[in-house]
Amino acid sequence: MALLAEAGKVKPQHDAGALDPGTVGGQMGMFIGASILSIVEIIEFFCLLMTKGSQKVANSKRRKLDESTDHIDETENTSKM
């Protein structure tokens, strides 16, 4: 807090109890902006989590299917001999 000295008196430049609309508006803008960004990042995280998770499930199912068909192919090849 800045102080002014006039004719031997020292008084604060701003009253600590007064609410400056510019300061309050600036703080509200920062808070609301940060809140919106946080919400968007959380939504993005869950979207990525769901897409990556579904890809892992699909890949594991595909691997299991490939393994089961490989086993069938091997038994067919041995029976033909």
PDB file of N, CA and C in Angstrom:
ATOM      1  N   MET A   1       0.856  -1.163   0.000  1.00  0.00           N
ATOM      2  CA  MET A   1       0.000   0.000   0.000  1.00  0.00           C
ATOM      3  C   MET A   1       0.905   1.230   0.000  1.00  0.00           C
ATOM      4  N   ALA A   2       0.654   2.099  -0.924  1.00  0.00           N
ATOM      5  CA  ALA A   2       1.462   3.310  -1.038  1.00  0.00           C
ATOM      6  C   ALA A   2       0.987   4.347  -0.012  1.00  0.00           C
ATOM      7  N   LEU A   3       1.907   5.135   0.445  1.00  0.00           N
ATOM      8  CA  LEU A   3       1.584   6.173   1.419  1.00  0.00           C
ATOM      9  C   LEU A   3       1.884   7.543   0.836  1.00  0.00           C
ATOM     10  N   LEU A   4       1.070   8.511   1.196  1.00  0.00           N
ATOM     11  CA  LEU A   4       1.280   9.892   0.782  1.00  0.00           C
ATOM     12  C   LEU A   4       1.661  10.719   2.016  1.00  0.00           C
ATOM     13  N   ALA A   5       2.624  11.579   1.846  1.00  0.00           N
ATOM     14  CA  ALA A   5       3.024  12.452   2.950  1.00  0.00           C
ATOM     15  C   ALA A   5       2.699  13.883   2.567  1.00  0.00           C
ATOM     16  N   GLU A   6       1.751  14.492   3.275  1.00  0.00           N
ATOM     17  CA  GLU A   6       1.375  15.881   3.028  1.00  0.00           C
ATOM     18  C   GLU A   6       1.445  16.642   4.349  1.00  0.00           C
ATOM     19  N   ALA A   7       2.234  17.668   4.366  1.00  0.00           N
ATOM     20  CA  ALA A   7       2.324  18.564   5.517  1.00  0.00           C
ATOM     21  C   ALA A   7       2.461  17.803   6.819  1.00  0.00           C
ATOM     22  N   GLY A   8       3.320  16.809   6.826  1.00  0.00           N
ATOM     23  CA  GLY A   8       3.573  16.074   8.053  1.00  0.00           C
ATOM     24  C   GLY A   8       2.577  14.973   8.339  1.00  0.00           C
ATOM     25  N   LYS A   9       1.528  14.828   7.519  1.00  0.00           N
ATOM     26  CA  LYS A   9       0.551  13.765   7.728  1.00  0.00           C
ATOM     27  C   LYS A   9       0.861  12.609   6.776  1.00  0.00           C
ATOM     28  N   VAL A  10       0.725  11.432   7.262  1.00  0.00           N
ATOM     29  CA  VAL A  10       0.908  10.240   6.433  1.00  0.00           C
ATOM     30  C   VAL A  10      -0.429   9.524   6.391  1.00  0.00           C
ATOM     31  N   LYS A  11      -0.963   9.349   5.188  1.00  0.00           N
ATOM     32  CA  LYS A  11      -2.225   8.633   5.047  1.00  0.00           C
ATOM     33  C   LYS A  11      -2.107   7.651   3.879  1.00  0.00           C
ATOM     34  N   PRO A  12      -2.825   6.575   3.961  1.00  0.00           N
ATOM     35  CA  PRO A  12      -2.765   5.595   2.866  1.00  0.00           C
ATOM     36  C   PRO A  12      -3.381   6.164   1.590  1.00  0.00           C
ATOM     37  N   GLN A  13      -2.810   5.771   0.472  1.00  0.00           N
ATOM     38  CA  GLN A  13      -3.302   6.254  -0.813  1.00  0.00           C
ATOM     39  C   GLN A  13      -4.668   5.641  -1.143  1.00  0.00           C
ATOM     40  N   HIS A  14      -4.863   4.386  -0.756  1.00  0.00           N
ATOM     41  CA  HIS A  14      -6.138   3.696  -0.988  1.00  0.00           C
ATOM     42  C   HIS A  14      -6.688   3.241   0.343  1.00  0.00           C
ATOM     43  N   ASP A  15      -8.006   3.288   0.452  1.00  0.00           N
ATOM     44  CA  ASP A  15      -8.664   2.775   1.643  1.00  0.00           C
ATOM     45  C   ASP A  15      -8.748   1.259   1.525  1.00  0.00           C
ATOM     46  N   ALA A  16      -8.262   0.554   2.533  1.00  0.00           N
ATOM     47  CA  ALA A  16      -8.224  -0.904   2.478  1.00  0.00           C
ATOM     48  C   ALA A  16      -9.622  -1.506   2.477  1.00  0.00           C
ATOM     49  N   GLY A  17     -10.593  -0.818   3.046  1.00  0.00           N
ATOM     50  CA  GLY A  17     -11.943  -1.357   3.114  1.00  0.00           C
ATOM     51  C   GLY A  17     -12.764  -1.116   1.870  1.00  0.00           C
ATOM     52  N   ALA A  18     -12.345  -0.192   1.018  1.00  0.00           N
ATOM     53  CA  ALA A  18     -13.120   0.121  -0.180  1.00  0.00           C
ATOM     54  C   ALA A  18     -12.880  -0.935  -1.251  1.00  0.00           C
ATOM     55  N   LEU A  19     -13.958  -1.302  -1.926  1.00  0.00           N
ATOM     56  CA  LEU A  19     -13.846  -2.269  -3.013  1.00  0.00           C
ATOM     57  C   LEU A  19     -13.805  -1.517  -4.330  1.00  0.00           C
ATOM     58  N   ASP A  20     -12.687  -1.627  -4.985  1.00  0.00           N
ATOM     59  CA  ASP A  20     -12.521  -0.990  -6.289  1.00  0.00           C
ATOM     60  C   ASP A  20     -13.177  -1.886  -7.342  1.00  0.00           C
ATOM     61  N   PRO A  21     -14.152  -1.381  -8.099  1.00  0.00           N
ATOM     62  CA  PRO A  21     -14.838  -2.215  -9.092  1.00  0.00           C
ATOM     63  C   PRO A  21     -13.883  -2.830 -10.117  1.00  0.00           C
ATOM     64  N   GLY A  22     -12.845  -2.110 -10.490  1.00  0.00           N
ATOM     65  CA  GLY A  22     -11.887  -2.651 -11.457  1.00  0.00           C
ATOM     66  C   GLY A  22     -11.135  -3.842 -10.901  1.00  0.00           C
ATOM     67  N   THR A  23     -10.780  -3.772  -9.637  1.00  0.00           N
ATOM     68  CA  THR A  23     -10.049  -4.874  -9.009  1.00  0.00           C
ATOM     69  C   THR A  23     -10.949  -6.085  -8.846  1.00  0.00           C
ATOM     70  N   VAL A  24     -12.159  -5.834  -8.380  1.00  0.00           N
ATOM     71  CA  VAL A  24     -13.099  -6.941  -8.197  1.00  0.00           C
ATOM     72  C   VAL A  24     -13.431  -7.577  -9.542  1.00  0.00           C
ATOM     73  N   GLY A  25     -13.657  -6.753 -10.558  1.00  0.00           N
ATOM     74  CA  GLY A  25     -13.961  -7.290 -11.886  1.00  0.00           C
ATOM     75  C   GLY A  25     -12.796  -8.074 -12.462  1.00  0.00           C
ATOM     76  N   GLY A  26     -11.605  -7.588 -12.247  1.00  0.00           N
ATOM     77  CA  GLY A  26     -10.424  -8.307 -12.735  1.00  0.00           C
ATOM     78  C   GLY A  26     -10.248  -9.646 -12.053  1.00  0.00           C
ATOM     79  N   GLN A  27     -10.458  -9.660 -10.750  1.00  0.00           N
ATOM     80  CA  GLN A  27     -10.332 -10.920 -10.015  1.00  0.00           C
ATOM     81  C   GLN A  27     -11.423 -11.905 -10.423  1.00  0.00           C
ATOM     82  N   MET A  28     -12.633 -11.407 -10.616  1.00  0.00           N
ATOM     83  CA  MET A  28     -13.717 -12.286 -11.061  1.00  0.00           C
ATOM     84  C   MET A  28     -13.432 -12.852 -12.452  1.00  0.00           C
ATOM     85  N   GLY A  29     -12.906 -12.005 -13.334  1.00  0.00           N
ATOM     86  CA  GLY A  29     -12.572 -12.471 -14.681  1.00  0.00           C
ATOM     87  C   GLY A  29     -11.513 -13.560 -14.664  1.00  0.00           C
ATOM     88  N   MET A  30     -10.502 -13.381 -13.823  1.00  0.00           N
ATOM     89  CA  MET A  30      -9.452 -14.396 -13.715  1.00  0.00           C
ATOM     90  C   MET A  30     -10.023 -15.697 -13.158  1.00  0.00           C
ATOM     91  N   PHE A  31     -10.861 -15.600 -12.138  1.00  0.00           N
ATOM     92  CA  PHE A  31     -11.436 -16.792 -11.521  1.00  0.00           C
ATOM     93  C   PHE A  31     -12.354 -17.528 -12.495  1.00  0.00           C
ATOM     94  N   ILE A  32     -13.223 -16.807 -13.170  1.00  0.00           N
ATOM     95  CA  ILE A  32     -14.163 -17.438 -14.106  1.00  0.00           C
ATOM     96  C   ILE A  32     -13.402 -18.039 -15.288  1.00  0.00           C
ATOM     97  N   GLY A  33     -12.403 -17.323 -15.786  1.00  0.00           N
ATOM     98  CA  GLY A  33     -11.598 -17.859 -16.893  1.00  0.00           C
ATOM     99  C   GLY A  33     -10.871 -19.127 -16.497  1.00  0.00           C
ATOM    100  N   ALA A  34     -10.303 -19.137 -15.301  1.00  0.00           N
ATOM    101  CA  ALA A  34      -9.590 -20.321 -14.827  1.00  0.00           C
ATOM    102  C   ALA A  34     -10.558 -21.478 -14.623  1.00  0.00           C
ATOM    103  N   SER A  35     -11.759 -21.184 -14.149  1.00  0.00           N
ATOM    104  CA  SER A  35     -12.757 -22.235 -13.928  1.00  0.00           C
ATOM    105  C   SER A  35     -13.184 -22.863 -15.247  1.00  0.00           C
ATOM    106  N   ILE A  36     -13.426 -22.050 -16.250  1.00  0.00           N
ATOM    107  CA  ILE A  36     -13.858 -22.570 -17.551  1.00  0.00           C
ATOM    108  C   ILE A  36     -12.759 -23.419 -18.173  1.00  0.00           C
ATOM    109  N   LEU A  37     -11.517 -22.954 -18.082  1.00  0.00           N
ATOM    110  CA  LEU A  37     -10.408 -23.740 -18.629  1.00  0.00           C
ATOM    111  C   LEU A  37     -10.271 -25.067 -17.902  1.00  0.00           C
ATOM    112  N   SER A  38     -10.437 -25.064 -16.599  1.00  0.00           N
ATOM    113  CA  SER A  38     -10.336 -26.305 -15.833  1.00  0.00           C
ATOM    114  C   SER A  38     -11.414 -27.287 -16.242  1.00  0.00           C
ATOM    115  N   ILE A  39     -12.626 -26.811 -16.412  1.00  0.00           N
ATOM    116  CA  ILE A  39     -13.730 -27.687 -16.808  1.00  0.00           C
ATOM    117  C   ILE A  39     -13.466 -28.275 -18.191  1.00  0.00           C
ATOM    118  N   VAL A  40     -12.993 -27.451 -19.107  1.00  0.00           N
ATOM    119  CA  VAL A  40     -12.702 -27.935 -20.461  1.00  0.00           C
ATOM    120  C   VAL A  40     -11.589 -28.978 -20.430  1.00  0.00           C
ATOM    121  N   GLU A  41     -10.567 -28.766 -19.622  1.00  0.00           N
ATOM    122  CA  GLU A  41      -9.470 -29.726 -19.538  1.00  0.00           C
ATOM    123  C   GLU A  41      -9.934 -31.048 -18.931  1.00  0.00           C
ATOM    124  N   ILE A  42     -10.826 -30.994 -17.954  1.00  0.00           N
ATOM    125  CA  ILE A  42     -11.341 -32.227 -17.351  1.00  0.00           C
ATOM    126  C   ILE A  42     -12.162 -33.004 -18.373  1.00  0.00           C
ATOM    127  N   ILE A  43     -12.993 -32.303 -19.140  1.00  0.00           N
ATOM    128  CA  ILE A  43     -13.790 -32.964 -20.182  1.00  0.00           C
ATOM    129  C   ILE A  43     -12.877 -33.583 -21.231  1.00  0.00           C
ATOM    130  N   GLU A  44     -11.845 -32.854 -21.627  1.00  0.00           N
ATOM    131  CA  GLU A  44     -10.889 -33.378 -22.614  1.00  0.00           C
ATOM    132  C   GLU A  44     -10.193 -34.628 -22.091  1.00  0.00           C
ATOM    133  N   PHE A  45      -9.812 -34.620 -20.816  1.00  0.00           N
ATOM    134  CA  PHE A  45      -9.139 -35.770 -20.211  1.00  0.00           C
ATOM    135  C   PHE A  45     -10.023 -37.005 -20.272  1.00  0.00           C
ATOM    136  N   PHE A  46     -11.303 -36.857 -19.899  1.00  0.00           N
ATOM    137  CA  PHE A  46     -12.190 -38.009 -19.907  1.00  0.00           C
ATOM    138  C   PHE A  46     -12.481 -38.495 -21.328  1.00  0.00           C
ATOM    139  N   CYS A  47     -12.563 -37.574 -22.278  1.00  0.00           N
ATOM    140  CA  CYS A  47     -12.752 -37.986 -23.675  1.00  0.00           C
ATOM    141  C   CYS A  47     -11.553 -38.785 -24.170  1.00  0.00           C
ATOM    142  N   LEU A  48     -10.360 -38.314 -23.870  1.00  0.00           N
ATOM    143  CA  LEU A  48      -9.157 -39.055 -24.269  1.00  0.00           C
ATOM    144  C   LEU A  48      -9.080 -40.404 -23.562  1.00  0.00           C
ATOM    145  N   LEU A  49      -9.457 -40.415 -22.305  1.00  0.00           N
ATOM    146  CA  LEU A  49      -9.434 -41.657 -21.538  1.00  0.00           C
ATOM    147  C   LEU A  49     -10.396 -42.676 -22.139  1.00  0.00           C
ATOM    148  N   MET A  50     -11.578 -42.230 -22.523  1.00  0.00           N
ATOM    149  CA  MET A  50     -12.556 -43.147 -23.111  1.00  0.00           C
ATOM    150  C   MET A  50     -12.107 -43.649 -24.479  1.00  0.00           C
ATOM    151  N   THR A  51     -11.549 -42.767 -25.318  1.00  0.00           N
ATOM    152  CA  THR A  51     -11.135 -43.216 -26.653  1.00  0.00           C
ATOM    153  C   THR A  51      -9.932 -44.149 -26.574  1.00  0.00           C
ATOM    154  N   LYS A  52      -8.973 -43.821 -25.732  1.00  0.00           N
ATOM    155  CA  LYS A  52      -7.799 -44.701 -25.593  1.00  0.00           C
ATOM    156  C   LYS A  52      -8.200 -46.019 -24.958  1.00  0.00           C
ATOM    157  N   GLY A  53      -9.104 -45.976 -23.979  1.00  0.00           N
ATOM    158  CA  GLY A  53      -9.569 -47.199 -23.334  1.00  0.00           C
ATOM    159  C   GLY A  53     -10.321 -48.091 -24.297  1.00  0.00           C
ATOM    160  N   SER A  54     -11.168 -47.509 -25.128  1.00  0.00           N
ATOM    161  CA  SER A  54     -11.922 -48.310 -26.094  1.00  0.00           C
ATOM    162  C   SER A  54     -10.986 -48.893 -27.151  1.00  0.00           C
ATOM    163  N   GLN A  55      -9.944 -48.178 -27.507  1.00  0.00           N
ATOM    164  CA  GLN A  55      -8.971 -48.708 -28.464  1.00  0.00           C
ATOM    165  C   GLN A  55      -8.227 -49.899 -27.864  1.00  0.00           C
ATOM    166  N   LYS A  56      -7.889 -49.813 -26.569  1.00  0.00           N
ATOM    167  CA  LYS A  56      -7.194 -50.929 -25.924  1.00  0.00           C
ATOM    168  C   LYS A  56      -8.088 -52.158 -25.874  1.00  0.00           C
ATOM    169  N   VAL A  57      -9.369 -51.963 -25.563  1.00  0.00           N
ATOM    170  CA  VAL A  57     -10.305 -53.084 -25.504  1.00  0.00           C
ATOM    171  C   VAL A  57     -10.453 -53.698 -26.892  1.00  0.00           C
ATOM    172  N   ALA A  58     -10.591 -52.864 -27.908  1.00  0.00           N
ATOM    173  CA  ALA A  58     -10.741 -53.362 -29.270  1.00  0.00           C
ATOM    174  C   ALA A  58      -9.488 -54.118 -29.706  1.00  0.00           C
ATOM    175  N   ASN A  59      -8.317 -53.601 -29.367  1.00  0.00           N
ATOM    176  CA  ASN A  59      -7.072 -54.274 -29.736  1.00  0.00           C
ATOM    177  C   ASN A  59      -6.937 -55.617 -29.024  1.00  0.00           C
ATOM    178  N   SER A  60      -7.325 -55.677 -27.747  1.00  0.00           N
ATOM    179  CA  SER A  60      -7.213 -56.948 -27.023  1.00  0.00           C
ATOM    180  C   SER A  60      -8.194 -57.971 -27.591  1.00  0.00           C
ATOM    181  N   LYS A  61      -9.400 -57.531 -27.956  1.00  0.00           N
ATOM    182  CA  LYS A  61     -10.363 -58.454 -28.568  1.00  0.00           C
ATOM    183  C   LYS A  61      -9.852 -58.937 -29.918  1.00  0.00           C
ATOM    184  N   ARG A  62      -9.254 -58.031 -30.677  1.00  0.00           N
ATOM    185  CA  ARG A  62      -8.717 -58.391 -31.988  1.00  0.00           C
ATOM    186  C   ARG A  62      -7.587 -59.410 -31.829  1.00  0.00           C
ATOM    187  N   ARG A  63      -6.723 -59.203 -30.818  1.00  0.00           N
ATOM    188  CA  ARG A  63      -5.624 -60.144 -30.577  1.00  0.00           C
ATOM    189  C   ARG A  63      -6.165 -61.524 -30.200  1.00  0.00           C
ATOM    190  N   LYS A  64      -7.171 -61.549 -29.339  1.00  0.00           N
ATOM    191  CA  LYS A  64      -7.756 -62.830 -28.934  1.00  0.00           C
ATOM    192  C   LYS A  64      -8.373 -63.531 -30.134  1.00  0.00           C
ATOM    193  N   LEU A  65      -9.055 -62.787 -30.983  1.00  0.00           N
ATOM    194  CA  LEU A  65      -9.659 -63.363 -32.174  1.00  0.00           C
ATOM    195  C   LEU A  65      -8.583 -63.898 -33.111  1.00  0.00           C
ATOM    196  N   ASP A  66      -7.499 -63.136 -33.282  1.00  0.00           N
ATOM    197  CA  ASP A  66      -6.403 -63.582 -34.139  1.00  0.00           C
ATOM    198  C   ASP A  66      -5.764 -64.854 -33.584  1.00  0.00           C
ATOM    199  N   GLU A  67      -5.594 -64.912 -32.266  1.00  0.00           N
ATOM    200  CA  GLU A  67      -4.984 -66.092 -31.649  1.00  0.00           C
ATOM    201  C   GLU A  67      -5.871 -67.318 -31.829  1.00  0.00           C
ATOM    202  N   SER A  68      -7.178 -67.134 -31.699  1.00  0.00           N
ATOM    203  CA  SER A  68      -8.084 -68.276 -31.841  1.00  0.00           C
ATOM    204  C   SER A  68      -8.134 -68.742 -33.296  1.00  0.00           C
ATOM    205  N   THR A  69      -8.101 -67.835 -34.249  1.00  0.00           N
ATOM    206  CA  THR A  69      -8.115 -68.239 -35.657  1.00  0.00           C
ATOM    207  C   THR A  69      -6.778 -68.849 -36.050  1.00  0.00           C
ATOM    208  N   ASP A  70      -5.671 -68.403 -35.450  1.00  0.00           N
ATOM    209  CA  ASP A  70      -4.371 -69.018 -35.724  1.00  0.00           C
ATOM    210  C   ASP A  70      -4.374 -70.469 -35.272  1.00  0.00           C
ATOM    211  N   HIS A  71      -4.977 -70.730 -34.142  1.00  0.00           N
ATOM    212  CA  HIS A  71      -5.047 -72.103 -33.640  1.00  0.00           C
ATOM    213  C   HIS A  71      -5.871 -72.977 -34.586  1.00  0.00           C
ATOM    214  N   ILE A  72      -6.972 -72.445 -35.098  1.00  0.00           N
ATOM    215  CA  ILE A  72      -7.808 -73.184 -36.045  1.00  0.00           C
ATOM    216  C   ILE A  72      -7.040 -73.439 -37.330  1.00  0.00           C
ATOM    217  N   ASP A  73      -6.308 -72.448 -37.822  1.00  0.00           N
ATOM    218  CA  ASP A  73      -5.518 -72.608 -39.044  1.00  0.00           C
ATOM    219  C   ASP A  73      -4.449 -73.677 -38.856  1.00  0.00           C
ATOM    220  N   GLU A  74      -3.833 -73.724 -37.676  1.00  0.00           N
ATOM    221  CA  GLU A  74      -2.783 -74.715 -37.427  1.00  0.00           C
ATOM    222  C   GLU A  74      -3.358 -76.131 -37.420  1.00  0.00           C
ATOM    223  N   THR A  75      -4.525 -76.289 -36.810  1.00  0.00           N
ATOM    224  CA  THR A  75      -5.134 -77.639 -36.781  1.00  0.00           C
ATOM    225  C   THR A  75      -5.561 -78.054 -38.181  1.00  0.00           C
ATOM    226  N   GLU A  76      -6.025 -77.159 -38.991  1.00  0.00           N
ATOM    227  CA  GLU A  76      -6.403 -77.494 -40.380  1.00  0.00           C
ATOM    228  C   GLU A  76      -5.181 -77.894 -41.179  1.00  0.00           C
ATOM    229  N   ASN A  77      -4.068 -77.194 -40.990  1.00  0.00           N
ATOM    230  CA  ASN A  77      -2.847 -77.489 -41.732  1.00  0.00           C
ATOM    231  C   ASN A  77      -2.290 -78.861 -41.334  1.00  0.00           C
ATOM    232  N   THR A  78      -2.364 -79.195 -40.066  1.00  0.00           N
ATOM    233  CA  THR A  78      -1.820 -80.503 -39.625  1.00  0.00           C
ATOM    234  C   THR A  78      -2.730 -81.642 -40.055  1.00  0.00           C
ATOM    235  N   SER A  79      -4.027 -81.418 -40.150  1.00  0.00           N
ATOM    236  CA  SER A  79      -4.931 -82.500 -40.557  1.00  0.00           C
ATOM    237  C   SER A  79      -4.834 -82.767 -42.056  1.00  0.00           C
ATOM    238  N   LYS A  80      -4.451 -81.790 -42.853  1.00  0.00           N
ATOM    239  CA  LYS A  80      -4.310 -81.971 -44.291  1.00  0.00           C
ATOM    240  C   LYS A  80      -3.093 -82.801 -44.642  1.00  0.00           C
ATOM    241  N   MET A  81      -2.121 -82.860 -43.775  1.00  0.00           N
ATOM    242  CA  MET A  81      -0.894 -83.584 -44.083  1.00  0.00           C
ATOM    243  C   MET A  81      -1.082 -85.038 -43.966  1.00  0.00           C
TER     244      MET A  81
END
